[in-house]
Amino acid sequence: MKGAANLNFRAPDFGEQVAKLDKEQTYVLYCASGNRSGQTLKLMEEAGFKNVVNAGGFKDLKAAGLPTE
């Protein structure tokens, strides 16, 4: 998606990367299947993020006709 930032869920510093994000912004999460984005949603909510949406799996977004790059 245009303007998206990629954070690697499996990176050793993933939690630190998430902690640097602005908790007041809106985030839309997705991954290949929706599993990692679901886990990240929970992590972000527990950290105090209020505006986070799990869009699910990339293949589902593409199948729904949403623009992808």
N, C-alpha and C. Protein backbone atom coordinates (compact mmCIF):
# COMPACT_ATOMS: atom_id res chain seq x y z
N MET A 1 0.84 -1.17 0.00
CA MET A 1 0.00 0.00 0.00
C MET A 1 0.89 1.23 0.00
N LYS A 2 0.48 2.23 -0.70
CA LYS A 2 1.26 3.44 -0.83
C LYS A 2 1.44 4.10 0.53
N GLY A 3 2.68 4.48 0.83
CA GLY A 3 2.98 5.14 2.09
C GLY A 3 3.14 4.19 3.27
N ALA A 4 3.04 2.90 3.02
CA ALA A 4 3.13 1.92 4.10
C ALA A 4 4.56 1.75 4.57
N ALA A 5 4.69 1.43 5.84
CA ALA A 5 6.00 1.08 6.40
C ALA A 5 5.97 -0.40 6.75
N ASN A 6 7.06 -1.07 6.46
CA ASN A 6 7.13 -2.50 6.73
C ASN A 6 7.93 -2.74 8.00
N LEU A 7 7.29 -3.32 9.00
CA LEU A 7 7.99 -3.74 10.22
C LEU A 7 8.00 -5.25 10.22
N ASN A 8 9.17 -5.82 10.43
CA ASN A 8 9.33 -7.27 10.41
C ASN A 8 8.94 -7.85 11.76
N PHE A 9 7.84 -8.55 11.81
CA PHE A 9 7.34 -9.16 13.03
C PHE A 9 8.37 -10.06 13.69
N ARG A 10 9.22 -10.68 12.90
CA ARG A 10 10.21 -11.62 13.43
C ARG A 10 11.55 -10.97 13.78
N ALA A 11 11.66 -9.66 13.59
CA ALA A 11 12.91 -8.96 13.93
C ALA A 11 13.08 -8.95 15.45
N PRO A 12 14.31 -9.10 15.92
CA PRO A 12 14.54 -9.12 17.36
C PRO A 12 14.12 -7.83 18.06
N ASP A 13 14.11 -6.72 17.33
CA ASP A 13 13.74 -5.43 17.93
C ASP A 13 12.33 -4.98 17.53
N PHE A 14 11.48 -5.92 17.14
CA PHE A 14 10.13 -5.57 16.68
C PHE A 14 9.38 -4.76 17.73
N GLY A 15 9.40 -5.19 18.97
CA GLY A 15 8.71 -4.46 20.03
C GLY A 15 9.22 -3.04 20.18
N GLU A 16 10.52 -2.86 20.04
CA GLU A 16 11.12 -1.53 20.12
C GLU A 16 10.67 -0.66 18.96
N GLN A 17 10.58 -1.26 17.76
CA GLN A 17 10.12 -0.51 16.58
C GLN A 17 8.68 -0.04 16.79
N VAL A 18 7.83 -0.91 17.30
CA VAL A 18 6.43 -0.55 17.55
C VAL A 18 6.35 0.55 18.60
N ALA A 19 7.18 0.45 19.64
CA ALA A 19 7.16 1.44 20.72
C ALA A 19 7.52 2.84 20.23
N LYS A 20 8.25 2.95 19.12
CA LYS A 20 8.64 4.25 18.57
C LYS A 20 7.52 4.90 17.76
N LEU A 21 6.48 4.16 17.45
CA LEU A 21 5.38 4.69 16.64
C LEU A 21 4.52 5.64 17.46
N ASP A 22 3.89 6.59 16.79
CA ASP A 22 3.00 7.56 17.43
C ASP A 22 1.67 6.87 17.78
N LYS A 23 1.36 6.80 19.05
CA LYS A 23 0.14 6.11 19.50
C LYS A 23 -1.13 6.85 19.10
N GLU A 24 -1.02 8.08 18.65
CA GLU A 24 -2.19 8.87 18.26
C GLU A 24 -2.56 8.68 16.79
N GLN A 25 -1.67 8.07 16.01
CA GLN A 25 -1.94 7.87 14.59
C GLN A 25 -2.82 6.64 14.37
N THR A 26 -3.35 6.51 13.17
CA THR A 26 -4.14 5.34 12.78
C THR A 26 -3.24 4.38 12.01
N TYR A 27 -3.35 3.09 12.34
CA TYR A 27 -2.54 2.07 11.69
C TYR A 27 -3.44 0.97 11.14
N VAL A 28 -3.14 0.56 9.92
CA VAL A 28 -3.82 -0.57 9.30
C VAL A 28 -2.77 -1.66 9.13
N LEU A 29 -3.03 -2.80 9.75
CA LEU A 29 -2.07 -3.90 9.74
C LEU A 29 -2.49 -4.97 8.75
N TYR A 30 -1.52 -5.56 8.10
CA TYR A 30 -1.78 -6.73 7.26
C TYR A 30 -0.49 -7.53 7.14
N CYS A 31 -0.63 -8.77 6.81
CA CYS A 31 0.51 -9.65 6.57
C CYS A 31 0.05 -10.65 5.51
N ALA A 32 0.79 -11.69 5.30
CA ALA A 32 0.43 -12.66 4.25
C ALA A 32 -0.89 -13.36 4.55
N SER A 33 -1.08 -13.81 5.78
CA SER A 33 -2.28 -14.60 6.10
C SER A 33 -3.23 -13.93 7.07
N GLY A 34 -2.76 -12.92 7.81
CA GLY A 34 -3.58 -12.29 8.84
C GLY A 34 -3.19 -12.70 10.25
N ASN A 35 -2.35 -13.72 10.39
CA ASN A 35 -1.95 -14.21 11.70
C ASN A 35 -1.03 -13.22 12.42
N ARG A 36 0.05 -12.83 11.78
CA ARG A 36 1.00 -11.90 12.42
C ARG A 36 0.37 -10.54 12.64
N SER A 37 -0.46 -10.09 11.72
CA SER A 37 -1.12 -8.80 11.92
C SER A 37 -2.07 -8.86 13.11
N GLY A 38 -2.71 -10.00 13.31
CA GLY A 38 -3.58 -10.18 14.48
C GLY A 38 -2.79 -10.14 15.78
N GLN A 39 -1.63 -10.78 15.78
CA GLN A 39 -0.77 -10.75 16.97
C GLN A 39 -0.25 -9.34 17.24
N THR A 40 0.07 -8.63 16.16
CA THR A 40 0.56 -7.26 16.30
C THR A 40 -0.54 -6.35 16.81
N LEU A 41 -1.76 -6.55 16.35
CA LEU A 41 -2.90 -5.76 16.84
C LEU A 41 -3.00 -5.89 18.36
N LYS A 42 -2.94 -7.09 18.85
CA LYS A 42 -3.02 -7.32 20.30
C LYS A 42 -1.88 -6.62 21.03
N LEU A 43 -0.66 -6.75 20.51
CA LEU A 43 0.50 -6.11 21.11
C LEU A 43 0.32 -4.59 21.16
N MET A 44 -0.15 -4.02 20.05
CA MET A 44 -0.31 -2.57 19.99
C MET A 44 -1.43 -2.09 20.92
N GLU A 45 -2.52 -2.82 20.98
CA GLU A 45 -3.60 -2.45 21.89
C GLU A 45 -3.12 -2.50 23.34
N GLU A 46 -2.36 -3.52 23.68
CA GLU A 46 -1.83 -3.65 25.04
C GLU A 46 -0.85 -2.52 25.36
N ALA A 47 -0.20 -1.96 24.33
CA ALA A 47 0.75 -0.87 24.51
C ALA A 47 0.07 0.50 24.53
N GLY A 48 -1.26 0.53 24.34
CA GLY A 48 -1.99 1.79 24.42
C GLY A 48 -2.38 2.43 23.10
N PHE A 49 -2.15 1.74 21.99
CA PHE A 49 -2.58 2.28 20.69
C PHE A 49 -4.09 2.13 20.60
N LYS A 50 -4.77 3.19 20.16
CA LYS A 50 -6.24 3.18 20.11
C LYS A 50 -6.80 3.02 18.70
N ASN A 51 -6.04 3.42 17.69
CA ASN A 51 -6.54 3.46 16.32
C ASN A 51 -5.79 2.45 15.45
N VAL A 52 -6.04 1.17 15.68
CA VAL A 52 -5.36 0.11 14.94
C VAL A 52 -6.41 -0.83 14.38
N VAL A 53 -6.27 -1.15 13.09
CA VAL A 53 -7.20 -2.03 12.40
C VAL A 53 -6.42 -3.19 11.80
N ASN A 54 -6.90 -4.40 12.00
CA ASN A 54 -6.29 -5.56 11.35
C ASN A 54 -7.03 -5.81 10.04
N ALA A 55 -6.37 -5.51 8.93
CA ALA A 55 -6.98 -5.71 7.60
C ALA A 55 -6.86 -7.16 7.16
N GLY A 56 -6.12 -7.98 7.89
CA GLY A 56 -6.02 -9.40 7.58
C GLY A 56 -4.90 -9.74 6.64
N GLY A 57 -5.16 -10.68 5.75
CA GLY A 57 -4.15 -11.18 4.83
C GLY A 57 -4.06 -10.38 3.55
N PHE A 58 -2.85 -10.21 3.07
CA PHE A 58 -2.60 -9.46 1.83
C PHE A 58 -3.38 -10.05 0.66
N LYS A 59 -3.41 -11.37 0.58
CA LYS A 59 -4.12 -12.00 -0.54
C LYS A 59 -5.61 -11.66 -0.50
N ASP A 60 -6.16 -11.51 0.70
CA ASP A 60 -7.58 -11.14 0.83
C ASP A 60 -7.83 -9.70 0.40
N LEU A 61 -6.88 -8.81 0.73
CA LEU A 61 -7.00 -7.42 0.30
C LEU A 61 -6.94 -7.32 -1.22
N LYS A 62 -6.00 -8.06 -1.79
CA LYS A 62 -5.87 -8.05 -3.25
C LYS A 62 -7.11 -8.64 -3.92
N ALA A 63 -7.63 -9.74 -3.37
CA ALA A 63 -8.84 -10.38 -3.93
C ALA A 63 -10.05 -9.46 -3.83
N ALA A 64 -10.06 -8.59 -2.83
CA ALA A 64 -11.19 -7.66 -2.64
C ALA A 64 -11.10 -6.48 -3.62
N GLY A 65 -9.99 -6.41 -4.36
CA GLY A 65 -9.86 -5.36 -5.36
C GLY A 65 -9.21 -4.09 -4.85
N LEU A 66 -8.66 -4.12 -3.63
CA LEU A 66 -7.99 -2.94 -3.11
C LEU A 66 -6.66 -2.75 -3.83
N PRO A 67 -6.27 -1.48 -4.03
CA PRO A 67 -5.01 -1.25 -4.75
C PRO A 67 -3.83 -1.78 -3.93
N THR A 68 -2.97 -2.53 -4.57
CA THR A 68 -1.77 -3.07 -3.93
C THR A 68 -0.58 -2.83 -4.83
N GLU A 69 0.59 -2.77 -4.24
CA GLU A 69 1.83 -2.57 -5.02
C GLU A 69 2.75 -3.73 -4.80
